[in-house]
Amino acid sequence: MQIFNPDGSISNWVVTIRSTALYICLFQFLVYYVFTDYNKVRYFLLFWGALAFLAALKAVGQKFIGFDTNETIWLYTLGAHTHVIYSGIRFFSFFTDAANFGCHMGMAMVVFSILSFYEKDRIVKVFFIIVAISTMYGMFISGTRSAIAIPFAGYAFYILLLKRWKLMVLGGFVLLIMYCFFAFTTIGSSNADIRRMRTAFQFTEDASFIVRQENQQKMKEFMGDYPIGLGIGTAKHSKEGDLLHGLPTDTSLVFIWVETGAIGLVIYLLLWFSCLSISFYYVWFKLKDPEVLAICTAAAAGIAGMAVAGYGNEVLHQFPTGQTIYILMAIAMICPYLERNKNHGREIH
């Protein structure tokens, strides 16, 4: 329908529709078609875990060995403003930028740490733990402050999924301690990575956050007149004289808001909330198989973490983070079918 938005353009729509809407639908159907049984989902998780580990390893190499020629050129030209900062260099592995890398690492940390709790195979369990630890380190050295919200939101949602009140209380207490560690202490601040992550809990004093709030306030002045937005692709292709010229969206939710308006943002948020609500229902009332339950729980926790990260950074539509989120969404949705066919020893048809 955005094709007919009088404030948009067909050319902008064509180059932006893939990341905004097409991939969300495409990856759902691909998952339904390809992941026809539990083992195939398990193979995907092992494959993704290996890629996430390599991504973290690449960032470690950048930190302790150095950058290759092309990375150095990009870092000190196009990426200099955002990646060479007062606290040091923000490492980005083989991702498009440090924010994309850091948020992906945070999501992987949540998913694989939860999977390790339930895994019975000792070798696979150790592998998941290694992936979780390495991606946690990758998240920290990315210098992406909004990424720290992913484990907090992800584990908070996981605690709600536990169904055992003692574990929920214990998990909530541990999460509170971690929050207090970052928000109210200076322990570990001698480390630049921890010091930068700690500023995420003091966002009202952060210059970057203040600028974003000011930009969003300027957008509010005219967005009320555009309930279906300024058109898909407008945010990244604004010209001098356009309403958005000089106003970066900075976050995925603001990006959706300015391009598709309040109506589009509501639809987009409903997609996320529906997925999380259905996952909650599956875990609490429907799924019985512990292996399938673990996958649904881990996927839902990762999705919850990324939902929060979408307000802090524009990462929900970037490759490969966005595509991985969509895959996790679809996996969570097909868990009842995976359980049914796993127990009956057959594939979905």
C-alpha atoms as a PDB file:
ATOM      1  CA  MET A   1       0.000   0.000   0.000  1.00  0.00           C
ATOM      2  CA  GLN A   2       2.965   2.338   0.527  1.00  0.00           C
ATOM      3  CA  ILE A   3       3.395   2.390  -3.257  1.00  0.00           C
ATOM      4  CA  PHE A   4       0.395   4.721  -3.304  1.00  0.00           C
ATOM      5  CA  ASN A   5       1.711   6.983  -0.527  1.00  0.00           C
ATOM      6  CA  PRO A   6       1.593  10.468  -2.150  1.00  0.00           C
ATOM      7  CA  ASP A   7       4.587  11.607  -0.105  1.00  0.00           C
ATOM      8  CA  GLY A   8       6.816   8.682  -1.152  1.00  0.00           C
ATOM      9  CA  SER A   9       8.408   7.639  -4.420  1.00  0.00           C
ATOM     10  CA  ILE A  10       8.451   4.384  -6.348  1.00  0.00           C
ATOM     11  CA  SER A  11      12.255   4.433  -6.731  1.00  0.00           C
ATOM     12  CA  ASN A  12      12.793   4.718  -2.961  1.00  0.00           C
ATOM     13  CA  TRP A  13      10.169   2.029  -2.359  1.00  0.00           C
ATOM     14  CA  VAL A  14      11.924  -0.404  -4.712  1.00  0.00           C
ATOM     15  CA  VAL A  15      15.336  -0.127  -3.029  1.00  0.00           C
ATOM     16  CA  THR A  16      14.025  -0.243   0.554  1.00  0.00           C
ATOM     17  CA  ILE A  17      11.068  -2.634   0.555  1.00  0.00           C
ATOM     18  CA  ARG A  18      13.295  -5.717   0.882  1.00  0.00           C
ATOM     19  CA  SER A  19      14.725  -4.886   4.274  1.00  0.00           C
ATOM     20  CA  THR A  20      11.551  -3.206   5.513  1.00  0.00           C
ATOM     21  CA  ALA A  21       8.947  -5.833   4.658  1.00  0.00           C
ATOM     22  CA  LEU A  22       9.923  -8.459   2.093  1.00  0.00           C
ATOM     23  CA  TYR A  23      12.481 -10.301   4.244  1.00  0.00           C
ATOM     24  CA  ILE A  24      10.093 -10.436   7.202  1.00  0.00           C
ATOM     25  CA  CYS A  25       7.639 -12.440   5.083  1.00  0.00           C
ATOM     26  CA  LEU A  26      10.165 -14.340   2.977  1.00  0.00           C
ATOM     27  CA  PHE A  27      12.102 -15.840   5.879  1.00  0.00           C
ATOM     28  CA  GLN A  28       8.911 -16.996   7.584  1.00  0.00           C
ATOM     29  CA  PHE A  29       7.969 -19.078   4.541  1.00  0.00           C
ATOM     30  CA  LEU A  30      11.520 -20.311   4.052  1.00  0.00           C
ATOM     31  CA  VAL A  31      11.604 -21.595   7.619  1.00  0.00           C
ATOM     32  CA  TYR A  32       8.211 -23.276   7.256  1.00  0.00           C
ATOM     33  CA  TYR A  33       9.405 -24.938   4.050  1.00  0.00           C
ATOM     34  CA  VAL A  34      12.955 -25.923   5.071  1.00  0.00           C
ATOM     35  CA  PHE A  35      12.800 -26.664   8.806  1.00  0.00           C
ATOM     36  CA  THR A  36      10.387 -29.560   8.570  1.00  0.00           C
ATOM     37  CA  ASP A  37      11.602 -31.372  11.670  1.00  0.00           C
ATOM     38  CA  TYR A  38      13.406 -30.808  14.957  1.00  0.00           C
ATOM     39  CA  ASN A  39      16.795 -32.019  13.718  1.00  0.00           C
ATOM     40  CA  LYS A  40      16.910 -29.459  10.916  1.00  0.00           C
ATOM     41  CA  VAL A  41      16.313 -26.647  13.407  1.00  0.00           C
ATOM     42  CA  ARG A  42      19.056 -28.099  15.584  1.00  0.00           C
ATOM     43  CA  TYR A  43      21.483 -28.157  12.620  1.00  0.00           C
ATOM     44  CA  PHE A  44      20.675 -24.527  11.927  1.00  0.00           C
ATOM     45  CA  LEU A  45      21.428 -23.564  15.535  1.00  0.00           C
ATOM     46  CA  LEU A  46      24.768 -25.384  15.374  1.00  0.00           C
ATOM     47  CA  PHE A  47      25.562 -23.649  12.081  1.00  0.00           C
ATOM     48  CA  TRP A  48      24.578 -20.226  13.424  1.00  0.00           C
ATOM     49  CA  GLY A  49      26.585 -20.895  16.585  1.00  0.00           C
ATOM     50  CA  ALA A  50      29.678 -21.628  14.508  1.00  0.00           C
ATOM     51  CA  LEU A  51      29.218 -18.404  12.514  1.00  0.00           C
ATOM     52  CA  ALA A  52      28.640 -16.360  15.681  1.00  0.00           C
ATOM     53  CA  PHE A  53      31.798 -17.820  17.215  1.00  0.00           C
ATOM     54  CA  LEU A  54      33.799 -16.955  14.087  1.00  0.00           C
ATOM     55  CA  ALA A  55      32.401 -13.413  14.183  1.00  0.00           C
ATOM     56  CA  ALA A  56      33.514 -12.993  17.789  1.00  0.00           C
ATOM     57  CA  LEU A  57      36.901 -14.524  16.929  1.00  0.00           C
ATOM     58  CA  LYS A  58      37.339 -12.066  14.068  1.00  0.00           C
ATOM     59  CA  ALA A  59      36.678  -9.136  16.419  1.00  0.00           C
ATOM     60  CA  VAL A  60      39.194 -10.534  18.898  1.00  0.00           C
ATOM     61  CA  GLY A  61      41.692 -10.673  16.036  1.00  0.00           C
ATOM     62  CA  GLN A  62      40.981  -7.035  15.199  1.00  0.00           C
ATOM     63  CA  LYS A  63      41.573  -6.069  18.818  1.00  0.00           C
ATOM     64  CA  PHE A  64      44.764  -7.996  19.489  1.00  0.00           C
ATOM     65  CA  ILE A  65      46.281  -8.485  16.018  1.00  0.00           C
ATOM     66  CA  GLY A  66      44.959  -5.556  14.015  1.00  0.00           C
ATOM     67  CA  PHE A  67      42.900  -4.684  10.954  1.00  0.00           C
ATOM     68  CA  ASP A  68      43.566  -5.674   7.376  1.00  0.00           C
ATOM     69  CA  THR A  69      44.106  -3.008   4.708  1.00  0.00           C
ATOM     70  CA  ASN A  70      40.475  -2.604   3.653  1.00  0.00           C
ATOM     71  CA  GLU A  71      39.227  -2.531   7.245  1.00  0.00           C
ATOM     72  CA  THR A  72      41.792   0.130   8.134  1.00  0.00           C
ATOM     73  CA  ILE A  73      40.786   2.316   5.187  1.00  0.00           C
ATOM     74  CA  TRP A  74      37.094   2.097   6.121  1.00  0.00           C
ATOM     75  CA  LEU A  75      37.770   2.584   9.842  1.00  0.00           C
ATOM     76  CA  TYR A  76      39.684   5.827   9.400  1.00  0.00           C
ATOM     77  CA  THR A  77      37.492   7.284   6.647  1.00  0.00           C
ATOM     78  CA  LEU A  78      33.770   6.446   6.567  1.00  0.00           C
ATOM     79  CA  GLY A  79      33.732   4.791   9.974  1.00  0.00           C
ATOM     80  CA  ALA A  80      35.991   7.224  11.812  1.00  0.00           C
ATOM     81  CA  HIS A  81      33.202   9.377  13.252  1.00  0.00           C
ATOM     82  CA  THR A  82      31.391   6.481  14.957  1.00  0.00           C
ATOM     83  CA  HIS A  83      34.097   3.845  15.438  1.00  0.00           C
ATOM     84  CA  VAL A  84      37.165   5.783  16.576  1.00  0.00           C
ATOM     85  CA  ILE A  85      35.959   7.434  19.769  1.00  0.00           C
ATOM     86  CA  TYR A  86      37.307   8.781  23.053  1.00  0.00           C
ATOM     87  CA  SER A  87      37.225   5.354  24.744  1.00  0.00           C
ATOM     88  CA  GLY A  88      39.045   3.627  21.888  1.00  0.00           C
ATOM     89  CA  ILE A  89      38.125   1.699  18.768  1.00  0.00           C
ATOM     90  CA  ARG A  90      34.762  -0.008  18.387  1.00  0.00           C
ATOM     91  CA  PHE A  91      35.370  -3.396  16.784  1.00  0.00           C
ATOM     92  CA  PHE A  92      32.975  -4.637  14.106  1.00  0.00           C
ATOM     93  CA  SER A  93      34.259  -8.070  12.975  1.00  0.00           C
ATOM     94  CA  PHE A  94      33.020  -8.819   9.427  1.00  0.00           C
ATOM     95  CA  PHE A  95      29.711  -6.990  10.000  1.00  0.00           C
ATOM     96  CA  THR A  96      28.648  -3.708   8.428  1.00  0.00           C
ATOM     97  CA  ASP A  97      29.384  -1.744  11.603  1.00  0.00           C
ATOM     98  CA  ALA A  98      29.939  -2.114  15.346  1.00  0.00           C
ATOM     99  CA  ALA A  99      26.262  -1.604  16.261  1.00  0.00           C
ATOM    100  CA  ASN A 100      25.147  -4.403  13.950  1.00  0.00           C
ATOM    101  CA  PHE A 101      27.916  -6.644  15.268  1.00  0.00           C
ATOM    102  CA  GLY A 102      27.376  -5.836  18.950  1.00  0.00           C
ATOM    103  CA  CYS A 103      23.617  -6.386  18.869  1.00  0.00           C
ATOM    104  CA  HIS A 104      23.991  -9.639  16.967  1.00  0.00           C
ATOM    105  CA  MET A 105      26.503 -10.828  19.552  1.00  0.00           C
ATOM    106  CA  GLY A 106      24.107  -9.889  22.357  1.00  0.00           C
ATOM    107  CA  MET A 107      21.295 -11.844  20.712  1.00  0.00           C
ATOM    108  CA  ALA A 108      23.531 -14.882  20.175  1.00  0.00           C
ATOM    109  CA  MET A 109      24.731 -14.696  23.773  1.00  0.00           C
ATOM    110  CA  VAL A 110      21.151 -14.861  25.076  1.00  0.00           C
ATOM    111  CA  VAL A 111      20.041 -17.672  22.761  1.00  0.00           C
ATOM    112  CA  PHE A 112      23.035 -19.962  23.181  1.00  0.00           C
ATOM    113  CA  SER A 113      23.412 -19.455  26.926  1.00  0.00           C
ATOM    114  CA  ILE A 114      19.766 -20.506  27.392  1.00  0.00           C
ATOM    115  CA  LEU A 115      20.162 -23.460  25.026  1.00  0.00           C
ATOM    116  CA  SER A 116      23.190 -24.615  27.049  1.00  0.00           C
ATOM    117  CA  PHE A 117      21.007 -24.882  30.190  1.00  0.00           C
ATOM    118  CA  TYR A 118      18.828 -27.530  28.544  1.00  0.00           C
ATOM    119  CA  GLU A 119      21.309 -29.334  26.284  1.00  0.00           C
ATOM    120  CA  LYS A 120      21.915 -32.998  27.164  1.00  0.00           C
ATOM    121  CA  ASP A 121      24.733 -33.788  24.740  1.00  0.00           C
ATOM    122  CA  ARG A 122      27.926 -32.876  26.610  1.00  0.00           C
ATOM    123  CA  ILE A 123      29.912 -31.846  23.521  1.00  0.00           C
ATOM    124  CA  VAL A 124      27.112 -29.664  22.166  1.00  0.00           C
ATOM    125  CA  LYS A 125      26.558 -28.174  25.624  1.00  0.00           C
ATOM    126  CA  VAL A 126      30.225 -27.154  25.850  1.00  0.00           C
ATOM    127  CA  PHE A 127      30.010 -25.709  22.340  1.00  0.00           C
ATOM    128  CA  PHE A 128      26.967 -23.601  23.255  1.00  0.00           C
ATOM    129  CA  ILE A 129      28.732 -22.329  26.392  1.00  0.00           C
ATOM    130  CA  ILE A 130      31.815 -21.380  24.367  1.00  0.00           C
ATOM    131  CA  VAL A 131      29.643 -19.538  21.837  1.00  0.00           C
ATOM    132  CA  ALA A 132      27.783 -17.704  24.625  1.00  0.00           C
ATOM    133  CA  ILE A 133      31.010 -16.590  26.337  1.00  0.00           C
ATOM    134  CA  SER A 134      32.745 -15.554  23.113  1.00  0.00           C
ATOM    135  CA  THR A 135      29.724 -13.584  21.869  1.00  0.00           C
ATOM    136  CA  MET A 136      29.429 -11.868  25.247  1.00  0.00           C
ATOM    137  CA  TYR A 137      33.013 -10.688  24.861  1.00  0.00           C
ATOM    138  CA  GLY A 138      32.286  -9.657  21.275  1.00  0.00           C
ATOM    139  CA  MET A 139      29.334  -7.614  22.493  1.00  0.00           C
ATOM    140  CA  PHE A 140      31.522  -5.742  24.975  1.00  0.00           C
ATOM    141  CA  ILE A 141      34.361  -4.919  22.587  1.00  0.00           C
ATOM    142  CA  SER A 142      31.884  -3.662  19.979  1.00  0.00           C
ATOM    143  CA  GLY A 143      31.325  -0.647  22.214  1.00  0.00           C
ATOM    144  CA  THR A 144      27.623  -0.716  21.335  1.00  0.00           C
ATOM    145  CA  ARG A 145      25.840   0.519  24.429  1.00  0.00           C
ATOM    146  CA  SER A 146      22.335  -0.436  23.342  1.00  0.00           C
ATOM    147  CA  ALA A 147      23.540  -4.032  22.982  1.00  0.00           C
ATOM    148  CA  ILE A 148      23.729  -4.334  26.770  1.00  0.00           C
ATOM    149  CA  ALA A 149      19.936  -3.998  26.835  1.00  0.00           C
ATOM    150  CA  ILE A 150      19.613  -7.261  24.892  1.00  0.00           C
ATOM    151  CA  PRO A 151      20.771  -9.639  27.655  1.00  0.00           C
ATOM    152  CA  PHE A 152      18.832  -7.673  30.282  1.00  0.00           C
ATOM    153  CA  ALA A 153      15.579  -7.753  28.301  1.00  0.00           C
ATOM    154  CA  GLY A 154      16.220 -11.259  26.963  1.00  0.00           C
ATOM    155  CA  TYR A 155      16.962 -12.817  30.338  1.00  0.00           C
ATOM    156  CA  ALA A 156      14.071 -10.904  31.936  1.00  0.00           C
ATOM    157  CA  PHE A 157      11.687 -12.465  29.417  1.00  0.00           C
ATOM    158  CA  TYR A 158      13.356 -15.846  29.962  1.00  0.00           C
ATOM    159  CA  ILE A 159      12.695 -15.529  33.703  1.00  0.00           C
ATOM    160  CA  LEU A 160       8.993 -15.026  32.924  1.00  0.00           C
ATOM    161  CA  LEU A 161       9.061 -18.230  30.859  1.00  0.00           C
ATOM    162  CA  LEU A 162      10.531 -20.394  33.634  1.00  0.00           C
ATOM    163  CA  LYS A 163       7.123 -21.235  35.168  1.00  0.00           C
ATOM    164  CA  ARG A 164       8.794 -22.030  38.517  1.00  0.00           C
ATOM    165  CA  TRP A 165       8.378 -19.228  41.030  1.00  0.00           C
ATOM    166  CA  LYS A 166      11.554 -19.976  42.981  1.00  0.00           C
ATOM    167  CA  LEU A 167      13.652 -19.798  39.818  1.00  0.00           C
ATOM    168  CA  MET A 168      11.806 -16.671  38.703  1.00  0.00           C
ATOM    169  CA  VAL A 169      12.550 -14.936  42.006  1.00  0.00           C
ATOM    170  CA  LEU A 170      16.179 -16.088  41.970  1.00  0.00           C
ATOM    171  CA  GLY A 171      16.638 -15.035  38.339  1.00  0.00           C
ATOM    172  CA  GLY A 172      15.059 -11.660  39.004  1.00  0.00           C
ATOM    173  CA  PHE A 173      17.394 -11.137  41.974  1.00  0.00           C
ATOM    174  CA  VAL A 174      20.476 -11.958  39.877  1.00  0.00           C
ATOM    175  CA  LEU A 175      19.282  -9.603  37.138  1.00  0.00           C
ATOM    176  CA  LEU A 176      18.763  -6.849  39.728  1.00  0.00           C
ATOM    177  CA  ILE A 177      22.302  -7.335  41.026  1.00  0.00           C
ATOM    178  CA  MET A 178      23.683  -7.048  37.501  1.00  0.00           C
ATOM    179  CA  TYR A 179      21.683  -3.876  36.932  1.00  0.00           C
ATOM    180  CA  CYS A 180      22.977  -2.355  40.160  1.00  0.00           C
ATOM    181  CA  PHE A 181      26.522  -3.315  39.173  1.00  0.00           C
ATOM    182  CA  PHE A 182      26.309  -1.280  35.972  1.00  0.00           C
ATOM    183  CA  ALA A 183      24.047   1.531  37.166  1.00  0.00           C
ATOM    184  CA  PHE A 184      25.272   2.311  40.678  1.00  0.00           C
ATOM    185  CA  THR A 185      28.907   1.192  40.950  1.00  0.00           C
ATOM    186  CA  THR A 186      32.193   2.024  39.260  1.00  0.00           C
ATOM    187  CA  ILE A 187      33.632  -1.481  39.568  1.00  0.00           C
ATOM    188  CA  GLY A 188      35.580  -2.392  36.449  1.00  0.00           C
ATOM    189  CA  SER A 189      35.429   1.127  35.012  1.00  0.00           C
ATOM    190  CA  SER A 190      39.187   1.059  34.494  1.00  0.00           C
ATOM    191  CA  ASN A 191      38.346  -1.183  31.519  1.00  0.00           C
ATOM    192  CA  ALA A 192      37.278   0.970  28.552  1.00  0.00           C
ATOM    193  CA  ASP A 193      34.740  -1.578  27.277  1.00  0.00           C
ATOM    194  CA  ILE A 194      32.965  -1.887  30.641  1.00  0.00           C
ATOM    195  CA  ARG A 195      33.145   1.870  31.163  1.00  0.00           C
ATOM    196  CA  ARG A 196      31.445   2.554  27.827  1.00  0.00           C
ATOM    197  CA  MET A 197      28.756  -0.085  28.456  1.00  0.00           C
ATOM    198  CA  ARG A 198      28.092   1.465  31.863  1.00  0.00           C
ATOM    199  CA  THR A 199      27.131   4.762  30.213  1.00  0.00           C
ATOM    200  CA  ALA A 200      24.085   2.979  28.759  1.00  0.00           C
ATOM    201  CA  PHE A 201      22.611   3.090  32.275  1.00  0.00           C
ATOM    202  CA  GLN A 202      23.204   6.831  32.510  1.00  0.00           C
ATOM    203  CA  PHE A 203      21.546   7.679  29.194  1.00  0.00           C
ATOM    204  CA  THR A 204      19.981  10.926  30.424  1.00  0.00           C
ATOM    205  CA  GLU A 205      23.499  12.334  30.728  1.00  0.00           C
ATOM    206  CA  ASP A 206      24.703  10.908  27.417  1.00  0.00           C
ATOM    207  CA  ALA A 207      25.288  13.472  24.658  1.00  0.00           C
ATOM    208  CA  SER A 208      24.376  11.004  21.904  1.00  0.00           C
ATOM    209  CA  PHE A 209      21.050  10.139  23.571  1.00  0.00           C
ATOM    210  CA  ILE A 210      20.225  13.817  24.077  1.00  0.00           C
ATOM    211  CA  VAL A 211      20.849  14.561  20.388  1.00  0.00           C
ATOM    212  CA  ARG A 212      18.595  11.666  19.380  1.00  0.00           C
ATOM    213  CA  GLN A 213      15.837  12.947  21.639  1.00  0.00           C
ATOM    214  CA  GLU A 214      16.157  16.417  20.113  1.00  0.00           C
ATOM    215  CA  ASN A 215      15.957  14.966  16.584  1.00  0.00           C
ATOM    216  CA  GLN A 216      12.891  12.924  17.485  1.00  0.00           C
ATOM    217  CA  GLN A 217      11.251  16.009  18.948  1.00  0.00           C
ATOM    218  CA  LYS A 218      11.795  17.824  15.648  1.00  0.00           C
ATOM    219  CA  MET A 219      10.233  14.889  13.807  1.00  0.00           C
ATOM    220  CA  LYS A 220       7.162  14.980  16.065  1.00  0.00           C
ATOM    221  CA  GLU A 221       6.474  18.526  14.913  1.00  0.00           C
ATOM    222  CA  PHE A 222       5.596  17.350  11.401  1.00  0.00           C
ATOM    223  CA  MET A 223       4.921  13.593  11.690  1.00  0.00           C
ATOM    224  CA  GLY A 224       1.443  14.224  13.102  1.00  0.00           C
ATOM    225  CA  ASP A 225       0.456  15.341   9.606  1.00  0.00           C
ATOM    226  CA  TYR A 226       1.660  12.050   8.062  1.00  0.00           C
ATOM    227  CA  PRO A 227      -0.247   9.120   9.611  1.00  0.00           C
ATOM    228  CA  ILE A 228       1.063   6.719   6.949  1.00  0.00           C
ATOM    229  CA  GLY A 229       4.546   8.232   6.962  1.00  0.00           C
ATOM    230  CA  LEU A 230       6.733   9.995   4.447  1.00  0.00           C
ATOM    231  CA  GLY A 231       7.119   6.894   2.296  1.00  0.00           C
ATOM    232  CA  ILE A 232       9.345   3.833   2.332  1.00  0.00           C
ATOM    233  CA  GLY A 233      12.958   4.747   1.576  1.00  0.00           C
ATOM    234  CA  THR A 234      12.569   8.400   2.518  1.00  0.00           C
ATOM    235  CA  ALA A 235      14.741   8.206   5.633  1.00  0.00           C
ATOM    236  CA  LYS A 236      17.838   7.117   3.721  1.00  0.00           C
ATOM    237  CA  HIS A 237      17.290   9.149   0.558  1.00  0.00           C
ATOM    238  CA  SER A 238      16.393  12.610   1.834  1.00  0.00           C
ATOM    239  CA  LYS A 239      17.588  15.627  -0.101  1.00  0.00           C
ATOM    240  CA  GLU A 240      18.103  19.253   0.794  1.00  0.00           C
ATOM    241  CA  GLY A 241      14.723  20.808   1.444  1.00  0.00           C
ATOM    242  CA  ASP A 242      13.101  17.507   2.541  1.00  0.00           C
ATOM    243  CA  LEU A 243      11.582  17.310   6.012  1.00  0.00           C
ATOM    244  CA  LEU A 244      14.076  14.622   7.075  1.00  0.00           C
ATOM    245  CA  HIS A 245      17.161  16.273   5.647  1.00  0.00           C
ATOM    246  CA  GLY A 246      19.775  16.396   8.416  1.00  0.00           C
ATOM    247  CA  LEU A 247      17.612  14.336  10.789  1.00  0.00           C
ATOM    248  CA  PRO A 248      19.035  10.792  11.122  1.00  0.00           C
ATOM    249  CA  THR A 249      16.539   8.216  12.372  1.00  0.00           C
ATOM    250  CA  ASP A 250      19.240   6.402  14.416  1.00  0.00           C
ATOM    251  CA  THR A 251      16.886   3.666  15.666  1.00  0.00           C
ATOM    252  CA  SER A 252      14.831   0.995  13.909  1.00  0.00           C
ATOM    253  CA  LEU A 253      11.544   2.033  15.531  1.00  0.00           C
ATOM    254  CA  VAL A 254      12.000   5.675  14.583  1.00  0.00           C
ATOM    255  CA  PHE A 255      12.956   4.523  11.081  1.00  0.00           C
ATOM    256  CA  ILE A 256       9.654   2.620  10.751  1.00  0.00           C
ATOM    257  CA  TRP A 257       7.738   5.540  12.251  1.00  0.00           C
ATOM    258  CA  VAL A 258       8.952   8.210   9.833  1.00  0.00           C
ATOM    259  CA  GLU A 259       8.607   5.981   6.766  1.00  0.00           C
ATOM    260  CA  THR A 260       5.252   4.337   7.486  1.00  0.00           C
ATOM    261  CA  GLY A 261       3.770   6.681  10.087  1.00  0.00           C
ATOM    262  CA  ALA A 262       2.018   5.899  13.356  1.00  0.00           C
ATOM    263  CA  ILE A 263      -0.128   3.310  11.566  1.00  0.00           C
ATOM    264  CA  GLY A 264       2.895   1.437  10.232  1.00  0.00           C
ATOM    265  CA  LEU A 265       4.665   1.587  13.587  1.00  0.00           C
ATOM    266  CA  VAL A 266       1.641   0.114  15.367  1.00  0.00           C
ATOM    267  CA  ILE A 267       1.459  -2.738  12.837  1.00  0.00           C
ATOM    268  CA  TYR A 268       5.195  -3.351  13.200  1.00  0.00           C
ATOM    269  CA  LEU A 269       5.056  -3.422  17.001  1.00  0.00           C
ATOM    270  CA  LEU A 270       2.019  -5.713  16.894  1.00  0.00           C
ATOM    271  CA  LEU A 271       4.110  -8.161  14.861  1.00  0.00           C
ATOM    272  CA  TRP A 272       6.713  -8.303  17.624  1.00  0.00           C
ATOM    273  CA  PHE A 273       4.263  -8.372  20.518  1.00  0.00           C
ATOM    274  CA  SER A 274       2.198 -11.077  18.821  1.00  0.00           C
ATOM    275  CA  CYS A 275       5.261 -13.244  18.354  1.00  0.00           C
ATOM    276  CA  LEU A 276       6.308 -12.822  21.991  1.00  0.00           C
ATOM    277  CA  SER A 277       2.772 -13.402  23.280  1.00  0.00           C
ATOM    278  CA  ILE A 278       2.312 -16.567  21.236  1.00  0.00           C
ATOM    279  CA  SER A 279       5.742 -17.822  22.324  1.00  0.00           C
ATOM    280  CA  PHE A 280       4.771 -17.182  25.942  1.00  0.00           C
ATOM    281  CA  TYR A 281       1.564 -19.161  25.443  1.00  0.00           C
ATOM    282  CA  TYR A 282       3.452 -22.039  23.813  1.00  0.00           C
ATOM    283  CA  VAL A 283       6.026 -22.284  26.608  1.00  0.00           C
ATOM    284  CA  TRP A 284       3.542 -21.974  29.463  1.00  0.00           C
ATOM    285  CA  PHE A 285       0.613 -24.015  28.198  1.00  0.00           C
ATOM    286  CA  LYS A 286       1.278 -25.959  25.005  1.00  0.00           C
ATOM    287  CA  LEU A 287       4.788 -27.409  24.635  1.00  0.00           C
ATOM    288  CA  LYS A 288       5.747 -30.506  26.638  1.00  0.00           C
ATOM    289  CA  ASP A 289       8.855 -31.860  24.909  1.00  0.00           C
ATOM    290  CA  PRO A 290      11.878 -30.411  26.797  1.00  0.00           C
ATOM    291  CA  GLU A 291      14.063 -30.129  23.681  1.00  0.00           C
ATOM    292  CA  VAL A 292      11.486 -28.218  21.644  1.00  0.00           C
ATOM    293  CA  LEU A 293      10.598 -26.174  24.718  1.00  0.00           C
ATOM    294  CA  ALA A 294      14.253 -25.124  25.036  1.00  0.00           C
ATOM    295  CA  ILE A 295      14.347 -23.911  21.423  1.00  0.00           C
ATOM    296  CA  CYS A 296      11.126 -21.916  21.776  1.00  0.00           C
ATOM    297  CA  THR A 297      12.307 -20.391  25.065  1.00  0.00           C
ATOM    298  CA  ALA A 298      15.738 -19.408  23.722  1.00  0.00           C
ATOM    299  CA  ALA A 299      14.316 -17.985  20.493  1.00  0.00           C
ATOM    300  CA  ALA A 300      11.677 -15.952  22.344  1.00  0.00           C
ATOM    301  CA  ALA A 301      14.263 -14.534  24.753  1.00  0.00           C
ATOM    302  CA  GLY A 302      16.501 -13.498  21.859  1.00  0.00           C
ATOM    303  CA  ILE A 303      13.568 -11.838  20.097  1.00  0.00           C
ATOM    304  CA  ALA A 304      12.600  -9.956  23.283  1.00  0.00           C
ATOM    305  CA  GLY A 305      16.128  -8.631  23.647  1.00  0.00           C
ATOM    306  CA  MET A 306      16.248  -7.425  20.055  1.00  0.00           C
ATOM    307  CA  ALA A 307      12.856  -5.747  20.406  1.00  0.00           C
ATOM    308  CA  VAL A 308      14.384  -3.469  23.032  1.00  0.00           C
ATOM    309  CA  ALA A 309      17.579  -2.969  21.020  1.00  0.00           C
ATOM    310  CA  GLY A 310      15.463  -1.711  18.127  1.00  0.00           C
ATOM    311  CA  TYR A 311      14.758   1.455  20.072  1.00  0.00           C
ATOM    312  CA  GLY A 312      18.423   2.078  20.814  1.00  0.00           C
ATOM    313  CA  ASN A 313      19.933   1.344  17.402  1.00  0.00           C
ATOM    314  CA  GLU A 314      18.968   0.892  13.778  1.00  0.00           C
ATOM    315  CA  VAL A 315      19.835  -2.814  13.615  1.00  0.00           C
ATOM    316  CA  LEU A 316      16.552  -4.665  13.046  1.00  0.00           C
ATOM    317  CA  HIS A 317      16.817  -4.288   9.265  1.00  0.00           C
ATOM    318  CA  GLN A 318      20.536  -4.842   8.820  1.00  0.00           C
ATOM    319  CA  PHE A 319      22.112  -7.968   7.363  1.00  0.00           C
ATOM    320  CA  PRO A 320      22.518 -10.540   8.881  1.00  0.00           C
ATOM    321  CA  THR A 321      20.924  -9.504  12.183  1.00  0.00           C
ATOM    322  CA  GLY A 322      17.458  -8.781  10.778  1.00  0.00           C
ATOM    323  CA  GLN A 323      17.320 -12.024   8.832  1.00  0.00           C
ATOM    324  CA  THR A 324      18.385 -14.013  11.900  1.00  0.00           C
ATOM    325  CA  ILE A 325      15.623 -12.397  13.960  1.00  0.00           C
ATOM    326  CA  TYR A 326      13.035 -13.344  11.351  1.00  0.00           C
ATOM    327  CA  ILE A 327      14.294 -16.932  11.345  1.00  0.00           C
ATOM    328  CA  LEU A 328      14.021 -17.083  15.148  1.00  0.00           C
ATOM    329  CA  MET A 329      10.480 -15.674  14.948  1.00  0.00           C
ATOM    330  CA  ALA A 330       9.440 -18.381  12.514  1.00  0.00           C
ATOM    331  CA  ILE A 331      11.153 -21.128  14.532  1.00  0.00           C
ATOM    332  CA  ALA A 332       9.270 -20.048  17.660  1.00  0.00           C
ATOM    333  CA  MET A 333       5.988 -20.156  15.734  1.00  0.00           C
ATOM    334  CA  ILE A 334       6.468 -23.687  14.368  1.00  0.00           C
ATOM    335  CA  CYS A 335       7.521 -25.247  17.686  1.00  0.00           C
ATOM    336  CA  PRO A 336       4.155 -27.009  18.269  1.00  0.00           C
ATOM    337  CA  TYR A 337       4.494 -28.623  14.832  1.00  0.00           C
ATOM    338  CA  LEU A 338       8.093 -29.608  15.560  1.00  0.00           C
ATOM    339  CA  GLU A 339       6.989 -31.229  18.819  1.00  0.00           C
ATOM    340  CA  ARG A 340       4.105 -33.076  17.207  1.00  0.00           C
ATOM    341  CA  ASN A 341       6.188 -34.431  14.367  1.00  0.00           C
ATOM    342  CA  LYS A 342       9.181 -35.184  16.585  1.00  0.00           C
ATOM    343  CA  ASN A 343       7.013 -37.338  18.817  1.00  0.00           C
ATOM    344  CA  HIS A 344       5.448 -39.090  15.827  1.00  0.00           C
ATOM    345  CA  GLY A 345       8.750 -39.468  13.999  1.00  0.00           C
ATOM    346  CA  ARG A 346       7.709 -37.684  10.830  1.00  0.00           C
ATOM    347  CA  GLU A 347       8.145 -34.370   9.015  1.00  0.00           C
ATOM    348  CA  ILE A 348       5.669 -31.553   8.559  1.00  0.00           C
ATOM    349  CA  HIS A 349       3.648 -31.722   5.345  1.00  0.00           C
END
